[in-house]
Amino acid sequence: MRAFMSIGILCAVMMSFSWEALAQNLCGQRMDIIDTLKKRYQEEPVSMGLAGNGGVVEVFASTKGSWTIIVTRPTGVACVVSAGEAWESLKGPSELDQGV
């Protein structure tokens, strides 16, 4: 249940951004963005999912707590939609079911 709530909150936050304004400055080739996240912020992929429009949503995070969310469109263009600090991983659905 917690995972579904997190996804819902994430979707609401992402919908509040002006996609066109973000896309003008924070889009490019997916591998270029991923390389920059790794080199500059030491961020690695921690989760991903398929959006309703066919885009791939990926969350990158570092052990220092920085995080970035990118969306790669079916055309192959990737855009940074949000970034921040204090990333904390929560238990996944299988861990919640087992009470771990």
N, C-alpha and C. Protein backbone atom coordinates (compact mmCIF):
# COMPACT_ATOMS: atom_id res chain seq x y z
N MET A 1 0.82 -1.19 0.00
CA MET A 1 0.00 0.00 0.00
C MET A 1 0.87 1.26 0.00
N ARG A 2 1.93 1.22 0.78
CA ARG A 2 2.83 2.36 0.88
C ARG A 2 3.46 2.67 -0.48
N ALA A 3 3.80 1.61 -1.24
CA ALA A 3 4.40 1.81 -2.56
C ALA A 3 3.42 2.51 -3.49
N PHE A 4 2.14 2.13 -3.44
CA PHE A 4 1.14 2.77 -4.28
C PHE A 4 0.95 4.23 -3.90
N MET A 5 1.00 4.53 -2.61
CA MET A 5 0.88 5.92 -2.16
C MET A 5 2.06 6.73 -2.64
N SER A 6 3.27 6.15 -2.57
CA SER A 6 4.46 6.86 -3.03
C SER A 6 4.38 7.16 -4.51
N ILE A 7 3.90 6.20 -5.29
CA ILE A 7 3.76 6.40 -6.73
C ILE A 7 2.74 7.49 -7.01
N GLY A 8 1.64 7.48 -6.28
CA GLY A 8 0.61 8.51 -6.46
C GLY A 8 1.13 9.89 -6.15
N ILE A 9 1.87 10.02 -5.07
CA ILE A 9 2.45 11.30 -4.69
C ILE A 9 3.44 11.76 -5.75
N LEU A 10 4.28 10.84 -6.21
CA LEU A 10 5.26 11.16 -7.24
C LEU A 10 4.57 11.65 -8.51
N CYS A 11 3.51 10.99 -8.91
CA CYS A 11 2.78 11.41 -10.12
C CYS A 11 2.18 12.79 -9.94
N ALA A 12 1.62 13.07 -8.77
CA ALA A 12 1.03 14.38 -8.52
C ALA A 12 2.09 15.47 -8.57
N VAL A 13 3.26 15.21 -7.99
CA VAL A 13 4.34 16.19 -8.01
C VAL A 13 4.81 16.42 -9.44
N MET A 14 4.98 15.34 -10.19
CA MET A 14 5.47 15.47 -11.56
C MET A 14 4.47 16.22 -12.43
N MET A 15 3.18 16.05 -12.19
CA MET A 15 2.17 16.72 -12.99
C MET A 15 2.12 18.21 -12.70
N SER A 16 2.64 18.63 -11.53
CA SER A 16 2.59 20.04 -11.16
C SER A 16 3.66 20.86 -11.89
N PHE A 17 4.64 20.19 -12.51
CA PHE A 17 5.69 20.90 -13.23
C PHE A 17 5.23 21.26 -14.63
N SER A 18 5.77 22.33 -15.15
CA SER A 18 5.54 22.71 -16.54
C SER A 18 6.50 21.89 -17.39
N TRP A 19 5.99 20.84 -18.01
CA TRP A 19 6.82 19.93 -18.78
C TRP A 19 7.57 20.65 -19.89
N GLU A 20 6.92 21.56 -20.57
CA GLU A 20 7.56 22.25 -21.69
C GLU A 20 8.74 23.10 -21.20
N ALA A 21 8.55 23.78 -20.08
CA ALA A 21 9.63 24.61 -19.55
C ALA A 21 10.82 23.75 -19.13
N LEU A 22 10.54 22.64 -18.48
CA LEU A 22 11.62 21.74 -18.07
C LEU A 22 12.33 21.14 -19.28
N ALA A 23 11.55 20.74 -20.27
CA ALA A 23 12.10 20.05 -21.43
C ALA A 23 13.06 20.93 -22.21
N GLN A 24 12.88 22.23 -22.19
CA GLN A 24 13.73 23.12 -22.97
C GLN A 24 15.18 23.07 -22.52
N ASN A 25 15.42 22.88 -21.24
CA ASN A 25 16.77 22.95 -20.70
C ASN A 25 17.33 21.63 -20.19
N LEU A 26 16.49 20.66 -19.89
CA LEU A 26 16.95 19.48 -19.19
C LEU A 26 16.71 18.19 -19.96
N CYS A 27 16.74 18.24 -21.27
CA CYS A 27 16.52 17.05 -22.09
C CYS A 27 17.75 16.76 -22.92
N GLY A 28 17.90 15.50 -23.30
CA GLY A 28 19.02 15.11 -24.15
C GLY A 28 19.02 13.61 -24.36
N GLN A 29 20.12 13.11 -24.81
CA GLN A 29 20.26 11.68 -24.99
C GLN A 29 20.33 11.00 -23.62
N ARG A 30 19.60 9.92 -23.47
CA ARG A 30 19.50 9.22 -22.18
C ARG A 30 20.88 8.89 -21.61
N MET A 31 21.73 8.31 -22.43
CA MET A 31 23.05 7.90 -21.92
C MET A 31 23.89 9.09 -21.49
N ASP A 32 23.75 10.23 -22.16
CA ASP A 32 24.49 11.44 -21.75
C ASP A 32 24.02 11.90 -20.38
N ILE A 33 22.72 11.89 -20.16
CA ILE A 33 22.17 12.29 -18.86
C ILE A 33 22.61 11.33 -17.77
N ILE A 34 22.53 10.03 -18.04
CA ILE A 34 22.93 9.02 -17.05
C ILE A 34 24.41 9.17 -16.72
N ASP A 35 25.25 9.38 -17.74
CA ASP A 35 26.69 9.56 -17.50
C ASP A 35 26.95 10.77 -16.61
N THR A 36 26.23 11.87 -16.87
CA THR A 36 26.39 13.08 -16.05
C THR A 36 25.96 12.82 -14.61
N LEU A 37 24.83 12.14 -14.43
CA LEU A 37 24.36 11.84 -13.07
C LEU A 37 25.39 11.01 -12.32
N LYS A 38 26.00 10.05 -13.00
CA LYS A 38 26.98 9.18 -12.35
C LYS A 38 28.27 9.94 -12.03
N LYS A 39 28.77 10.69 -12.99
CA LYS A 39 30.04 11.38 -12.80
C LYS A 39 29.94 12.56 -11.84
N ARG A 40 28.91 13.38 -12.01
CA ARG A 40 28.81 14.61 -11.22
C ARG A 40 28.21 14.38 -9.83
N TYR A 41 27.24 13.46 -9.73
CA TYR A 41 26.53 13.29 -8.47
C TYR A 41 26.65 11.88 -7.87
N GLN A 42 27.36 10.98 -8.55
CA GLN A 42 27.50 9.58 -8.12
C GLN A 42 26.14 8.90 -7.95
N GLU A 43 25.18 9.27 -8.80
CA GLU A 43 23.85 8.69 -8.73
C GLU A 43 23.74 7.46 -9.63
N GLU A 44 23.09 6.45 -9.10
CA GLU A 44 22.86 5.18 -9.80
C GLU A 44 21.36 4.93 -9.84
N PRO A 45 20.88 4.13 -10.80
CA PRO A 45 19.45 3.83 -10.85
C PRO A 45 19.01 3.01 -9.63
N VAL A 46 17.86 3.41 -9.06
CA VAL A 46 17.32 2.68 -7.90
C VAL A 46 15.93 2.13 -8.15
N SER A 47 15.21 2.69 -9.14
CA SER A 47 13.90 2.16 -9.50
C SER A 47 13.48 2.69 -10.86
N MET A 48 12.51 2.01 -11.45
CA MET A 48 12.01 2.43 -12.75
C MET A 48 10.62 1.87 -12.98
N GLY A 49 9.90 2.47 -13.93
CA GLY A 49 8.57 1.99 -14.26
C GLY A 49 8.13 2.55 -15.60
N LEU A 50 7.06 2.00 -16.13
CA LEU A 50 6.53 2.41 -17.42
C LEU A 50 5.36 3.36 -17.19
N ALA A 51 5.43 4.54 -17.78
CA ALA A 51 4.35 5.53 -17.66
C ALA A 51 3.24 5.21 -18.66
N GLY A 52 2.07 5.76 -18.42
CA GLY A 52 0.92 5.51 -19.28
C GLY A 52 1.12 5.97 -20.71
N ASN A 53 1.98 6.95 -20.93
CA ASN A 53 2.22 7.47 -22.28
C ASN A 53 3.32 6.72 -23.01
N GLY A 54 3.81 5.63 -22.40
CA GLY A 54 4.87 4.84 -23.02
C GLY A 54 6.26 5.25 -22.63
N GLY A 55 6.39 6.31 -21.84
CA GLY A 55 7.71 6.74 -21.37
C GLY A 55 8.20 5.86 -20.23
N VAL A 56 9.50 5.85 -20.05
CA VAL A 56 10.12 5.11 -18.95
C VAL A 56 10.55 6.11 -17.89
N VAL A 57 10.05 5.93 -16.68
CA VAL A 57 10.38 6.79 -15.54
C VAL A 57 11.48 6.09 -14.74
N GLU A 58 12.57 6.80 -14.48
CA GLU A 58 13.68 6.22 -13.71
C GLU A 58 14.06 7.16 -12.58
N VAL A 59 14.37 6.55 -11.44
CA VAL A 59 14.85 7.30 -10.28
C VAL A 59 16.30 6.91 -10.05
N PHE A 60 17.15 7.93 -9.94
CA PHE A 60 18.56 7.73 -9.66
C PHE A 60 18.84 8.35 -8.29
N ALA A 61 19.71 7.71 -7.51
CA ALA A 61 20.05 8.25 -6.19
C ALA A 61 21.50 7.92 -5.86
N SER A 62 22.06 8.72 -4.96
CA SER A 62 23.43 8.49 -4.50
C SER A 62 23.40 8.09 -3.02
N THR A 63 24.50 7.55 -2.55
CA THR A 63 24.61 7.20 -1.13
C THR A 63 24.65 8.45 -0.27
N LYS A 64 24.92 9.61 -0.87
CA LYS A 64 24.94 10.88 -0.13
C LYS A 64 23.55 11.49 -0.01
N GLY A 65 22.56 10.89 -0.71
CA GLY A 65 21.18 11.35 -0.58
C GLY A 65 20.64 12.17 -1.73
N SER A 66 21.46 12.54 -2.71
CA SER A 66 20.92 13.28 -3.85
C SER A 66 20.11 12.32 -4.72
N TRP A 67 19.12 12.86 -5.44
CA TRP A 67 18.29 12.02 -6.31
C TRP A 67 17.83 12.81 -7.52
N THR A 68 17.54 12.09 -8.59
CA THR A 68 17.06 12.69 -9.83
C THR A 68 16.04 11.74 -10.46
N ILE A 69 14.98 12.31 -11.02
CA ILE A 69 13.98 11.53 -11.76
C ILE A 69 14.06 11.96 -13.21
N ILE A 70 14.21 10.96 -14.11
CA ILE A 70 14.18 11.26 -15.54
C ILE A 70 13.06 10.46 -16.20
N VAL A 71 12.56 11.00 -17.29
CA VAL A 71 11.57 10.30 -18.11
C VAL A 71 12.14 10.21 -19.52
N THR A 72 12.20 8.99 -20.04
CA THR A 72 12.64 8.80 -21.41
C THR A 72 11.42 8.53 -22.26
N ARG A 73 11.19 9.38 -23.24
CA ARG A 73 10.04 9.25 -24.13
C ARG A 73 10.26 8.11 -25.12
N PRO A 74 9.20 7.61 -25.73
CA PRO A 74 9.36 6.56 -26.74
C PRO A 74 10.26 6.98 -27.90
N THR A 75 10.44 8.27 -28.11
CA THR A 75 11.32 8.77 -29.17
C THR A 75 12.79 8.63 -28.81
N GLY A 76 13.08 8.32 -27.54
CA GLY A 76 14.45 8.18 -27.08
C GLY A 76 14.99 9.40 -26.38
N VAL A 77 14.27 10.51 -26.40
CA VAL A 77 14.70 11.73 -25.70
C VAL A 77 14.39 11.58 -24.21
N ALA A 78 15.39 11.86 -23.39
CA ALA A 78 15.22 11.78 -21.93
C ALA A 78 15.21 13.18 -21.35
N CYS A 79 14.37 13.40 -20.34
CA CYS A 79 14.27 14.70 -19.68
C CYS A 79 14.33 14.52 -18.17
N VAL A 80 15.06 15.40 -17.52
CA VAL A 80 15.07 15.46 -16.06
C VAL A 80 13.79 16.17 -15.64
N VAL A 81 13.00 15.52 -14.79
CA VAL A 81 11.75 16.15 -14.36
C VAL A 81 11.79 16.64 -12.92
N SER A 82 12.74 16.13 -12.15
CA SER A 82 12.86 16.60 -10.78
C SER A 82 14.18 16.11 -10.20
N ALA A 83 14.66 16.80 -9.18
CA ALA A 83 15.89 16.42 -8.49
C ALA A 83 15.84 17.00 -7.09
N GLY A 84 16.59 16.38 -6.19
CA GLY A 84 16.58 16.89 -4.82
C GLY A 84 17.60 16.21 -3.94
N GLU A 85 17.36 16.30 -2.64
CA GLU A 85 18.26 15.76 -1.62
C GLU A 85 17.47 14.91 -0.64
N ALA A 86 18.19 14.24 0.22
CA ALA A 86 17.64 13.45 1.33
C ALA A 86 16.83 12.24 0.85
N TRP A 87 17.33 11.57 -0.20
CA TRP A 87 16.66 10.36 -0.69
C TRP A 87 16.73 9.28 0.39
N GLU A 88 15.61 8.58 0.56
CA GLU A 88 15.56 7.47 1.51
C GLU A 88 14.77 6.34 0.86
N SER A 89 15.36 5.16 0.82
CA SER A 89 14.67 4.01 0.23
C SER A 89 13.72 3.42 1.25
N LEU A 90 12.52 3.09 0.79
CA LEU A 90 11.52 2.45 1.63
C LEU A 90 11.48 0.97 1.31
N LYS A 91 10.80 0.21 2.14
CA LYS A 91 10.65 -1.21 1.88
C LYS A 91 9.85 -1.41 0.61
N GLY A 92 10.24 -2.42 -0.17
CA GLY A 92 9.50 -2.76 -1.38
C GLY A 92 8.26 -3.55 -1.05
N PRO A 93 7.36 -3.76 -2.03
CA PRO A 93 6.11 -4.48 -1.80
C PRO A 93 6.30 -5.88 -1.21
N SER A 94 7.30 -6.63 -1.68
CA SER A 94 7.49 -7.97 -1.15
C SER A 94 7.95 -7.94 0.31
N GLU A 95 8.75 -6.96 0.68
CA GLU A 95 9.19 -6.83 2.07
C GLU A 95 8.04 -6.43 2.98
N LEU A 96 7.13 -5.60 2.48
CA LEU A 96 5.97 -5.19 3.29
C LEU A 96 5.07 -6.38 3.57
N ASP A 97 4.86 -7.23 2.56
CA ASP A 97 4.01 -8.41 2.72
C ASP A 97 4.57 -9.38 3.74
N GLN A 98 5.89 -9.47 3.82
CA GLN A 98 6.54 -10.41 4.73
C GLN A 98 6.81 -9.80 6.11
N GLY A 99 6.55 -8.52 6.26
CA GLY A 99 6.78 -7.87 7.54
C GLY A 99 8.23 -7.70 7.88
N VAL A 100 9.10 -7.62 6.86
CA VAL A 100 10.54 -7.50 7.09
C VAL A 100 10.88 -6.10 7.52
